[in-house]
Every structure is written in C-alpha cells, then in structure tokens.
mmCIF file of all heavy atoms, coordinates in Angstrom:
data_MODEL
# 
_entry.id   MODEL 
# 
loop_
_atom_site.group_PDB 
_atom_site.id 
_atom_site.type_symbol 
_atom_site.label_atom_id 
_atom_site.label_alt_id 
_atom_site.label_comp_id 
_atom_site.label_asym_id 
_atom_site.label_entity_id 
_atom_site.label_seq_id 
_atom_site.pdbx_PDB_ins_code 
_atom_site.Cartn_x 
_atom_site.Cartn_y 
_atom_site.Cartn_z 
_atom_site.occupancy 
_atom_site.B_iso_or_equiv 
_atom_site.pdbx_formal_charge 
_atom_site.auth_seq_id 
_atom_site.auth_comp_id 
_atom_site.auth_asym_id 
_atom_site.auth_atom_id 
_atom_site.pdbx_PDB_model_num 
ATOM 1   N N   . TRP A 1 1  ? 92.631  113.082 128.745 1.00 0.00 ? 1  TRP A N   1 
ATOM 2   C CA  . TRP A 1 1  ? 93.575  112.371 127.884 1.00 0.00 ? 1  TRP A CA  1 
ATOM 3   C C   . TRP A 1 1  ? 94.924  113.064 127.957 1.00 0.00 ? 1  TRP A C   1 
ATOM 4   O O   . TRP A 1 1  ? 95.031  114.198 128.399 1.00 0.00 ? 1  TRP A O   1 
ATOM 5   C CB  . TRP A 1 1  ? 93.087  112.373 126.427 1.00 0.00 ? 1  TRP A CB  1 
ATOM 6   C CG  . TRP A 1 1  ? 91.804  111.634 126.220 1.00 0.00 ? 1  TRP A CG  1 
ATOM 7   C CD1 . TRP A 1 1  ? 90.540  112.111 126.439 1.00 0.00 ? 1  TRP A CD1 1 
ATOM 8   C CD2 . TRP A 1 1  ? 91.644  110.293 125.778 1.00 0.00 ? 1  TRP A CD2 1 
ATOM 9   N NE1 . TRP A 1 1  ? 89.610  111.141 126.145 1.00 0.00 ? 1  TRP A NE1 1 
ATOM 10  C CE2 . TRP A 1 1  ? 90.260  110.012 125.732 1.00 0.00 ? 1  TRP A CE2 1 
ATOM 11  C CE3 . TRP A 1 1  ? 92.533  109.295 125.401 1.00 0.00 ? 1  TRP A CE3 1 
ATOM 12  C CZ2 . TRP A 1 1  ? 89.755  108.788 125.333 1.00 0.00 ? 1  TRP A CZ2 1 
ATOM 13  C CZ3 . TRP A 1 1  ? 92.024  108.074 124.992 1.00 0.00 ? 1  TRP A CZ3 1 
ATOM 14  C CH2 . TRP A 1 1  ? 90.643  107.825 124.964 1.00 0.00 ? 1  TRP A CH2 1 
ATOM 15  N N   . MET A 1 2  ? 95.947  112.387 127.491 1.00 0.00 ? 2  MET A N   1 
ATOM 16  C CA  . MET A 1 2  ? 97.281  112.975 127.373 1.00 0.00 ? 2  MET A CA  1 
ATOM 17  C C   . MET A 1 2  ? 97.953  112.438 126.117 1.00 0.00 ? 2  MET A C   1 
ATOM 18  O O   . MET A 1 2  ? 97.686  111.309 125.694 1.00 0.00 ? 2  MET A O   1 
ATOM 19  C CB  . MET A 1 2  ? 98.140  112.636 128.589 1.00 0.00 ? 2  MET A CB  1 
ATOM 20  C CG  . MET A 1 2  ? 98.363  111.151 128.785 1.00 0.00 ? 2  MET A CG  1 
ATOM 21  S SD  . MET A 1 2  ? 99.641  110.734 129.959 1.00 0.00 ? 2  MET A SD  1 
ATOM 22  C CE  . MET A 1 2  ? 101.084 110.862 128.966 1.00 0.00 ? 2  MET A CE  1 
ATOM 23  N N   . ALA A 1 3  ? 98.782  113.281 125.507 1.00 0.00 ? 3  ALA A N   1 
ATOM 24  C CA  . ALA A 1 3  ? 99.563  112.835 124.345 1.00 0.00 ? 3  ALA A CA  1 
ATOM 25  C C   . ALA A 1 3  ? 100.807 112.133 124.892 1.00 0.00 ? 3  ALA A C   1 
ATOM 26  O O   . ALA A 1 3  ? 101.707 112.778 125.418 1.00 0.00 ? 3  ALA A O   1 
ATOM 27  C CB  . ALA A 1 3  ? 99.939  114.014 123.463 1.00 0.00 ? 3  ALA A CB  1 
ATOM 28  N N   . SER A 1 4  ? 100.831 110.814 124.794 1.00 0.00 ? 4  SER A N   1 
ATOM 29  C CA  . SER A 1 4  ? 101.972 110.066 125.308 1.00 0.00 ? 4  SER A CA  1 
ATOM 30  C C   . SER A 1 4  ? 103.106 109.995 124.291 1.00 0.00 ? 4  SER A C   1 
ATOM 31  O O   . SER A 1 4  ? 104.248 109.739 124.669 1.00 0.00 ? 4  SER A O   1 
ATOM 32  C CB  . SER A 1 4  ? 101.552 108.662 125.752 1.00 0.00 ? 4  SER A CB  1 
ATOM 33  O OG  . SER A 1 4  ? 100.898 107.981 124.715 1.00 0.00 ? 4  SER A OG  1 
ATOM 34  N N   . GLU A 1 5  ? 102.797 110.233 123.020 1.00 0.00 ? 5  GLU A N   1 
ATOM 35  C CA  . GLU A 1 5  ? 103.823 110.293 121.971 1.00 0.00 ? 5  GLU A CA  1 
ATOM 36  C C   . GLU A 1 5  ? 103.359 111.253 120.884 1.00 0.00 ? 5  GLU A C   1 
ATOM 37  O O   . GLU A 1 5  ? 102.169 111.319 120.566 1.00 0.00 ? 5  GLU A O   1 
ATOM 38  C CB  . GLU A 1 5  ? 104.054 108.920 121.337 1.00 0.00 ? 5  GLU A CB  1 
ATOM 39  C CG  . GLU A 1 5  ? 104.659 107.904 122.270 1.00 0.00 ? 5  GLU A CG  1 
ATOM 40  C CD  . GLU A 1 5  ? 104.957 106.589 121.558 1.00 0.00 ? 5  GLU A CD  1 
ATOM 41  O OE1 . GLU A 1 5  ? 105.336 106.609 120.369 1.00 0.00 ? 5  GLU A OE1 1 
ATOM 42  O OE2 . GLU A 1 5  ? 104.802 105.553 122.199 1.00 0.00 ? 5  GLU A OE2 1 
ATOM 43  N N   . PHE A 1 6  ? 104.308 111.980 120.310 1.00 0.00 ? 6  PHE A N   1 
ATOM 44  C CA  . PHE A 1 6  ? 104.016 112.847 119.167 1.00 0.00 ? 6  PHE A CA  1 
ATOM 45  C C   . PHE A 1 6  ? 105.284 112.992 118.356 1.00 0.00 ? 6  PHE A C   1 
ATOM 46  O O   . PHE A 1 6  ? 106.365 113.176 118.909 1.00 0.00 ? 6  PHE A O   1 
ATOM 47  C CB  . PHE A 1 6  ? 103.530 114.233 119.613 1.00 0.00 ? 6  PHE A CB  1 
ATOM 48  C CG  . PHE A 1 6  ? 103.049 115.058 118.457 1.00 0.00 ? 6  PHE A CG  1 
ATOM 49  C CD1 . PHE A 1 6  ? 101.725 114.996 118.054 1.00 0.00 ? 6  PHE A CD1 1 
ATOM 50  C CD2 . PHE A 1 6  ? 103.926 115.844 117.733 1.00 0.00 ? 6  PHE A CD2 1 
ATOM 51  C CE1 . PHE A 1 6  ? 101.280 115.721 116.962 1.00 0.00 ? 6  PHE A CE1 1 
ATOM 52  C CE2 . PHE A 1 6  ? 103.495 116.565 116.635 1.00 0.00 ? 6  PHE A CE2 1 
ATOM 53  C CZ  . PHE A 1 6  ? 102.165 116.504 116.257 1.00 0.00 ? 6  PHE A CZ  1 
ATOM 54  N N   . GLU A 1 7  ? 105.143 112.914 117.032 1.00 0.00 ? 7  GLU A N   1 
ATOM 55  C CA  . GLU A 1 7  ? 106.307 113.028 116.152 1.00 0.00 ? 7  GLU A CA  1 
ATOM 56  C C   . GLU A 1 7  ? 105.924 113.754 114.874 1.00 0.00 ? 7  GLU A C   1 
ATOM 57  O O   . GLU A 1 7  ? 104.902 113.449 114.261 1.00 0.00 ? 7  GLU A O   1 
ATOM 58  C CB  . GLU A 1 7  ? 106.824 111.630 115.806 1.00 0.00 ? 7  GLU A CB  1 
ATOM 59  C CG  . GLU A 1 7  ? 107.998 111.620 114.862 1.00 0.00 ? 7  GLU A CG  1 
ATOM 60  C CD  . GLU A 1 7  ? 108.433 110.201 114.543 1.00 0.00 ? 7  GLU A CD  1 
ATOM 61  O OE1 . GLU A 1 7  ? 107.865 109.614 113.594 1.00 0.00 ? 7  GLU A OE1 1 
ATOM 62  O OE2 . GLU A 1 7  ? 109.320 109.689 115.238 1.00 0.00 ? 7  GLU A OE2 1 
ATOM 63  N N   . PHE A 1 8  ? 106.744 114.731 114.484 1.00 0.00 ? 8  PHE A N   1 
ATOM 64  C CA  . PHE A 1 8  ? 106.637 115.371 113.171 1.00 0.00 ? 8  PHE A CA  1 
ATOM 65  C C   . PHE A 1 8  ? 107.583 114.670 112.219 1.00 0.00 ? 8  PHE A C   1 
ATOM 66  O O   . PHE A 1 8  ? 108.656 114.208 112.620 1.00 0.00 ? 8  PHE A O   1 
ATOM 67  C CB  . PHE A 1 8  ? 107.082 116.840 113.232 1.00 0.00 ? 8  PHE A CB  1 
ATOM 68  C CG  . PHE A 1 8  ? 106.100 117.788 113.849 1.00 0.00 ? 8  PHE A CG  1 
ATOM 69  C CD1 . PHE A 1 8  ? 106.434 118.504 114.981 1.00 0.00 ? 8  PHE A CD1 1 
ATOM 70  C CD2 . PHE A 1 8  ? 104.854 118.000 113.275 1.00 0.00 ? 8  PHE A CD2 1 
ATOM 71  C CE1 . PHE A 1 8  ? 105.552 119.405 115.545 1.00 0.00 ? 8  PHE A CE1 1 
ATOM 72  C CE2 . PHE A 1 8  ? 103.965 118.891 113.833 1.00 0.00 ? 8  PHE A CE2 1 
ATOM 73  C CZ  . PHE A 1 8  ? 104.311 119.600 114.969 1.00 0.00 ? 8  PHE A CZ  1 
ATOM 74  N N   . SER A 1 9  ? 107.233 114.624 110.940 1.00 0.00 ? 9  SER A N   1 
ATOM 75  C CA  . SER A 1 9  ? 108.143 114.138 109.909 1.00 0.00 ? 9  SER A CA  1 
ATOM 76  C C   . SER A 1 9  ? 107.773 114.805 108.592 1.00 0.00 ? 9  SER A C   1 
ATOM 77  O O   . SER A 1 9  ? 106.681 115.363 108.446 1.00 0.00 ? 9  SER A O   1 
ATOM 78  C CB  . SER A 1 9  ? 108.076 112.608 109.776 1.00 0.00 ? 9  SER A CB  1 
ATOM 79  O OG  . SER A 1 9  ? 106.775 112.209 109.394 1.00 0.00 ? 9  SER A OG  1 
ATOM 80  N N   . GLY A 1 10 ? 108.696 114.765 107.642 1.00 0.00 ? 10 GLY A N   1 
ATOM 81  C CA  . GLY A 1 10 ? 108.389 115.355 106.343 1.00 0.00 ? 10 GLY A CA  1 
ATOM 82  C C   . GLY A 1 10 ? 109.505 115.170 105.339 1.00 0.00 ? 10 GLY A C   1 
ATOM 83  O O   . GLY A 1 10 ? 110.676 115.086 105.706 1.00 0.00 ? 10 GLY A O   1 
ATOM 84  N N   . GLU A 1 11 ? 109.102 115.091 104.098 1.00 0.00 ? 11 GLU A N   1 
ATOM 85  C CA  . GLU A 1 11 ? 110.044 115.020 102.988 1.00 0.00 ? 11 GLU A CA  1 
ATOM 86  C C   . GLU A 1 11 ? 110.403 116.446 102.557 1.00 0.00 ? 11 GLU A C   1 
ATOM 87  O O   . GLU A 1 11 ? 109.690 117.401 102.877 1.00 0.00 ? 11 GLU A O   1 
ATOM 88  C CB  . GLU A 1 11 ? 109.413 114.272 101.804 1.00 0.00 ? 11 GLU A CB  1 
ATOM 89  C CG  . GLU A 1 11 ? 109.013 112.844 102.120 1.00 0.00 ? 11 GLU A CG  1 
ATOM 90  C CD  . GLU A 1 11 ? 110.209 111.943 102.325 1.00 0.00 ? 11 GLU A CD  1 
ATOM 91  O OE1 . GLU A 1 11 ? 111.241 112.161 101.671 1.00 0.00 ? 11 GLU A OE1 1 
ATOM 92  O OE2 . GLU A 1 11 ? 110.102 111.031 103.163 1.00 0.00 ? 11 GLU A OE2 1 
ATOM 93  N N   . MET A 1 12 ? 111.474 116.578 101.792 1.00 0.00 ? 12 MET A N   1 
ATOM 94  C CA  . MET A 1 12 ? 111.883 117.898 101.330 1.00 0.00 ? 12 MET A CA  1 
ATOM 95  C C   . MET A 1 12 ? 110.790 118.536 100.477 1.00 0.00 ? 12 MET A C   1 
ATOM 96  O O   . MET A 1 12 ? 110.516 119.728 100.585 1.00 0.00 ? 12 MET A O   1 
ATOM 97  C CB  . MET A 1 12 ? 113.185 117.823 100.527 1.00 0.00 ? 12 MET A CB  1 
ATOM 98  C CG  . MET A 1 12 ? 113.683 119.191 100.188 1.00 0.00 ? 12 MET A CG  1 
ATOM 99  S SD  . MET A 1 12 ? 115.332 119.381 99.466  1.00 0.00 ? 12 MET A SD  1 
ATOM 100 C CE  . MET A 1 12 ? 116.025 117.815 99.296  1.00 0.00 ? 12 MET A CE  1 
ATOM 101 N N   . GLU A 1 13 ? 110.141 117.734 99.649  1.00 0.00 ? 13 GLU A N   1 
ATOM 102 C CA  . GLU A 1 13 ? 109.061 118.235 98.798  1.00 0.00 ? 13 GLU A CA  1 
ATOM 103 C C   . GLU A 1 13 ? 107.772 117.547 99.214  1.00 0.00 ? 13 GLU A C   1 
ATOM 104 O O   . GLU A 1 13 ? 107.469 116.452 98.777  1.00 0.00 ? 13 GLU A O   1 
ATOM 105 C CB  . GLU A 1 13 ? 109.359 117.950 97.332  1.00 0.00 ? 13 GLU A CB  1 
ATOM 106 C CG  . GLU A 1 13 ? 110.531 118.725 96.792  1.00 0.00 ? 13 GLU A CG  1 
ATOM 107 C CD  . GLU A 1 13 ? 110.738 118.461 95.312  1.00 0.00 ? 13 GLU A CD  1 
ATOM 108 O OE1 . GLU A 1 13 ? 109.942 117.735 94.698  1.00 0.00 ? 13 GLU A OE1 1 
ATOM 109 O OE2 . GLU A 1 13 ? 111.713 118.990 94.772  1.00 0.00 ? 13 GLU A OE2 1 
ATOM 110 N N   . GLY A 1 14 ? 107.029 118.181 100.059 1.00 0.00 ? 14 GLY A N   1 
ATOM 111 C CA  . GLY A 1 14 ? 105.780 117.594 100.499 1.00 0.00 ? 14 GLY A CA  1 
ATOM 112 C C   . GLY A 1 14 ? 105.310 118.223 101.797 1.00 0.00 ? 14 GLY A C   1 
ATOM 113 O O   . GLY A 1 14 ? 106.009 119.029 102.406 1.00 0.00 ? 14 GLY A O   1 
ATOM 114 N N   . ASN A 1 15 ? 104.140 117.837 102.199 1.00 0.00 ? 15 ASN A N   1 
ATOM 115 C CA  . ASN A 1 15 ? 103.565 118.360 103.435 1.00 0.00 ? 15 ASN A CA  1 
ATOM 116 C C   . ASN A 1 15 ? 104.177 117.668 104.644 1.00 0.00 ? 15 ASN A C   1 
ATOM 117 O O   . ASN A 1 15 ? 104.648 116.539 104.562 1.00 0.00 ? 15 ASN A O   1 
ATOM 118 C CB  . ASN A 1 15 ? 102.047 118.143 103.447 1.00 0.00 ? 15 ASN A CB  1 
ATOM 119 C CG  . ASN A 1 15 ? 101.343 118.946 102.393 1.00 0.00 ? 15 ASN A CG  1 
ATOM 120 O OD1 . ASN A 1 15 ? 101.769 120.043 102.051 1.00 0.00 ? 15 ASN A OD1 1 
ATOM 121 N ND2 . ASN A 1 15 ? 100.264 118.413 101.859 1.00 0.00 ? 15 ASN A ND2 1 
ATOM 122 N N   . MET A 1 16 ? 104.135 118.376 105.762 1.00 0.00 ? 16 MET A N   1 
ATOM 123 C CA  . MET A 1 16 ? 104.639 117.805 107.004 1.00 0.00 ? 16 MET A CA  1 
ATOM 124 C C   . MET A 1 16 ? 103.622 116.803 107.544 1.00 0.00 ? 16 MET A C   1 
ATOM 125 O O   . MET A 1 16 ? 102.420 117.054 107.537 1.00 0.00 ? 16 MET A O   1 
ATOM 126 C CB  . MET A 1 16 ? 104.885 118.912 108.027 1.00 0.00 ? 16 MET A CB  1 
ATOM 127 C CG  . MET A 1 16 ? 105.605 118.415 109.242 1.00 0.00 ? 16 MET A CG  1 
ATOM 128 S SD  . MET A 1 16 ? 106.360 119.712 110.238 1.00 0.00 ? 16 MET A SD  1 
ATOM 129 C CE  . MET A 1 16 ? 104.970 120.741 110.618 1.00 0.00 ? 16 MET A CE  1 
ATOM 130 N N   . ASP A 1 17 ? 104.127 115.658 107.988 1.00 0.00 ? 17 ASP A N   1 
ATOM 131 C CA  . ASP A 1 17 ? 103.295 114.604 108.551 1.00 0.00 ? 17 ASP A CA  1 
ATOM 132 C C   . ASP A 1 17 ? 103.439 114.591 110.072 1.00 0.00 ? 17 ASP A C   1 
ATOM 133 O O   . ASP A 1 17 ? 104.357 115.187 110.631 1.00 0.00 ? 17 ASP A O   1 
ATOM 134 C CB  . ASP A 1 17 ? 103.734 113.236 108.017 1.00 0.00 ? 17 ASP A CB  1 
ATOM 135 C CG  . ASP A 1 17 ? 103.528 113.098 106.514 1.00 0.00 ? 17 ASP A CG  1 
ATOM 136 O OD1 . ASP A 1 17 ? 102.521 113.606 106.005 1.00 0.00 ? 17 ASP A OD1 1 
ATOM 137 O OD2 . ASP A 1 17 ? 104.391 112.474 105.872 1.00 0.00 ? 17 ASP A OD2 1 
ATOM 138 N N   . PHE A 1 18 ? 102.529 113.878 110.735 1.00 0.00 ? 18 PHE A N   1 
ATOM 139 C CA  . PHE A 1 18 ? 102.641 113.678 112.168 1.00 0.00 ? 18 PHE A CA  1 
ATOM 140 C C   . PHE A 1 18 ? 102.108 112.304 112.540 1.00 0.00 ? 18 PHE A C   1 
ATOM 141 O O   . PHE A 1 18 ? 101.315 111.708 111.821 1.00 0.00 ? 18 PHE A O   1 
ATOM 142 C CB  . PHE A 1 18 ? 101.910 114.777 112.956 1.00 0.00 ? 18 PHE A CB  1 
ATOM 143 C CG  . PHE A 1 18 ? 100.407 114.625 112.958 1.00 0.00 ? 18 PHE A CG  1 
ATOM 144 C CD1 . PHE A 1 18 ? 99.765  114.035 114.036 1.00 0.00 ? 18 PHE A CD1 1 
ATOM 145 C CD2 . PHE A 1 18 ? 99.644  115.075 111.897 1.00 0.00 ? 18 PHE A CD2 1 
ATOM 146 C CE1 . PHE A 1 18 ? 98.381  113.894 114.040 1.00 0.00 ? 18 PHE A CE1 1 
ATOM 147 C CE2 . PHE A 1 18 ? 98.265  114.944 111.900 1.00 0.00 ? 18 PHE A CE2 1 
ATOM 148 C CZ  . PHE A 1 18 ? 97.632  114.341 112.969 1.00 0.00 ? 18 PHE A CZ  1 
ATOM 149 N N   . ASN A 1 19 ? 102.582 111.814 113.676 1.00 0.00 ? 19 ASN A N   1 
ATOM 150 C CA  . ASN A 1 19 ? 102.088 110.585 114.309 1.00 0.00 ? 19 ASN A CA  1 
ATOM 151 C C   . ASN A 1 19 ? 101.871 110.915 115.774 1.00 0.00 ? 19 ASN A C   1 
ATOM 152 O O   . ASN A 1 19 ? 102.701 111.598 116.379 1.00 0.00 ? 19 ASN A O   1 
ATOM 153 C CB  . ASN A 1 19 ? 103.125 109.451 114.236 1.00 0.00 ? 19 ASN A CB  1 
ATOM 154 C CG  . ASN A 1 19 ? 103.348 108.980 112.834 1.00 0.00 ? 19 ASN A CG  1 
ATOM 155 O OD1 . ASN A 1 19 ? 102.432 108.500 112.197 1.00 0.00 ? 19 ASN A OD1 1 
ATOM 156 N ND2 . ASN A 1 19 ? 104.570 109.119 112.350 1.00 0.00 ? 19 ASN A ND2 1 
ATOM 157 N N   . THR A 1 20 ? 100.773 110.420 116.343 1.00 0.00 ? 20 THR A N   1 
ATOM 158 C CA  . THR A 1 20 ? 100.531 110.674 117.754 1.00 0.00 ? 20 THR A CA  1 
ATOM 159 C C   . THR A 1 20 ? 99.855  109.487 118.422 1.00 0.00 ? 20 THR A C   1 
ATOM 160 O O   . THR A 1 20 ? 99.124  108.735 117.766 1.00 0.00 ? 20 THR A O   1 
ATOM 161 C CB  . THR A 1 20 ? 99.683  111.952 117.965 1.00 0.00 ? 20 THR A CB  1 
ATOM 162 O OG1 . THR A 1 20 ? 99.654  112.276 119.354 1.00 0.00 ? 20 THR A OG1 1 
ATOM 163 C CG2 . THR A 1 20 ? 98.268  111.803 117.437 1.00 0.00 ? 20 THR A CG2 1 
ATOM 164 N N   . THR A 1 21 ? 100.137 109.322 119.683 1.00 0.00 ? 21 THR A N   1 
ATOM 165 C CA  . THR A 1 21 ? 99.445  108.370 120.538 1.00 0.00 ? 21 THR A CA  1 
ATOM 166 C C   . THR A 1 21 ? 98.859  109.165 121.689 1.00 0.00 ? 21 THR A C   1 
ATOM 167 O O   . THR A 1 21 ? 99.571  109.922 122.358 1.00 0.00 ? 21 THR A O   1 
ATOM 168 C CB  . THR A 1 21 ? 100.398 107.296 121.074 1.00 0.00 ? 21 THR A CB  1 
ATOM 169 O OG1 . THR A 1 21 ? 100.960 106.584 119.963 1.00 0.00 ? 21 THR A OG1 1 
ATOM 170 C CG2 . THR A 1 21 ? 99.676  106.318 121.990 1.00 0.00 ? 21 THR A CG2 1 
ATOM 171 N N   . ILE A 1 22 ? 97.562  109.006 121.905 1.00 0.00 ? 22 ILE A N   1 
ATOM 172 C CA  . ILE A 1 22 ? 96.849  109.749 122.935 1.00 0.00 ? 22 ILE A CA  1 
ATOM 173 C C   . ILE A 1 22 ? 96.217  108.721 123.872 1.00 0.00 ? 22 ILE A C   1 
ATOM 174 O O   . ILE A 1 22 ? 95.416  107.891 123.444 1.00 0.00 ? 22 ILE A O   1 
ATOM 175 C CB  . ILE A 1 22 ? 95.794  110.672 122.300 1.00 0.00 ? 22 ILE A CB  1 
ATOM 176 C CG1 . ILE A 1 22 ? 96.480  111.639 121.319 1.00 0.00 ? 22 ILE A CG1 1 
ATOM 177 C CG2 . ILE A 1 22 ? 95.012  111.425 123.365 1.00 0.00 ? 22 ILE A CG2 1 
ATOM 178 C CD1 . ILE A 1 22 ? 95.531  112.419 120.431 1.00 0.00 ? 22 ILE A CD1 1 
ATOM 179 N N   . SER A 1 23 ? 96.615  108.771 125.139 1.00 0.00 ? 23 SER A N   1 
ATOM 180 C CA  . SER A 1 23 ? 96.186  107.777 126.117 1.00 0.00 ? 23 SER A CA  1 
ATOM 181 C C   . SER A 1 23 ? 95.255  108.392 127.150 1.00 0.00 ? 23 SER A C   1 
ATOM 182 O O   . SER A 1 23 ? 95.398  109.560 127.511 1.00 0.00 ? 23 SER A O   1 
ATOM 183 C CB  . SER A 1 23 ? 97.404  107.202 126.844 1.00 0.00 ? 23 SER A CB  1 
ATOM 184 O OG  . SER A 1 23 ? 98.291  106.607 125.923 1.00 0.00 ? 23 SER A OG  1 
ATOM 185 N N   . ALA A 1 24 ? 94.318  107.585 127.639 1.00 0.00 ? 24 ALA A N   1 
ATOM 186 C CA  . ALA A 1 24 ? 93.420  108.045 128.699 1.00 0.00 ? 24 ALA A CA  1 
ATOM 187 C C   . ALA A 1 24 ? 94.255  108.409 129.916 1.00 0.00 ? 24 ALA A C   1 
ATOM 188 O O   . ALA A 1 24 ? 95.161  107.679 130.304 1.00 0.00 ? 24 ALA A O   1 
ATOM 189 C CB  . ALA A 1 24 ? 92.407  106.967 129.049 1.00 0.00 ? 24 ALA A CB  1 
ATOM 190 N N   . ALA A 1 25 ? 93.925  109.569 130.523 1.00 0.00 ? 25 ALA A N   1 
ATOM 191 C CA  . ALA A 1 25 ? 94.660  110.058 131.685 1.00 0.00 ? 25 ALA A CA  1 
ATOM 192 C C   . ALA A 1 25 ? 93.810  110.010 132.952 1.00 0.00 ? 25 ALA A C   1 
ATOM 193 O O   . ALA A 1 25 ? 94.193  110.555 133.974 1.00 0.00 ? 25 ALA A O   1 
ATOM 194 C CB  . ALA A 1 25 ? 95.162  111.478 131.428 1.00 0.00 ? 25 ALA A CB  1 
ATOM 195 N N   . GLY A 1 26 ? 92.667  109.376 132.859 1.00 0.00 ? 26 GLY A N   1 
ATOM 196 C CA  . GLY A 1 26 ? 91.758  109.260 133.997 1.00 0.00 ? 26 GLY A CA  1 
ATOM 197 C C   . GLY A 1 26 ? 90.523  108.504 133.554 1.00 0.00 ? 26 GLY A C   1 
ATOM 198 O O   . GLY A 1 26 ? 90.430  108.069 132.393 1.00 0.00 ? 26 GLY A O   1 
# 
C-alpha cells in the first residue's frame, strides 16, 4: 500500500486531527 494523501489539522484548543487516503500499490 501507499499513502496517496495525508493531512494534519487542528483547532487551537483541541487534539490534532488527520485525514489519509491509502491506495493499493500492487
């Protein structure tokens, strides 16, 4: 597999979030 997209995000008061897309690489 490979991570084709990854993003961190977060509010000033709160935990850090993430979004990811993982695609088959073979």
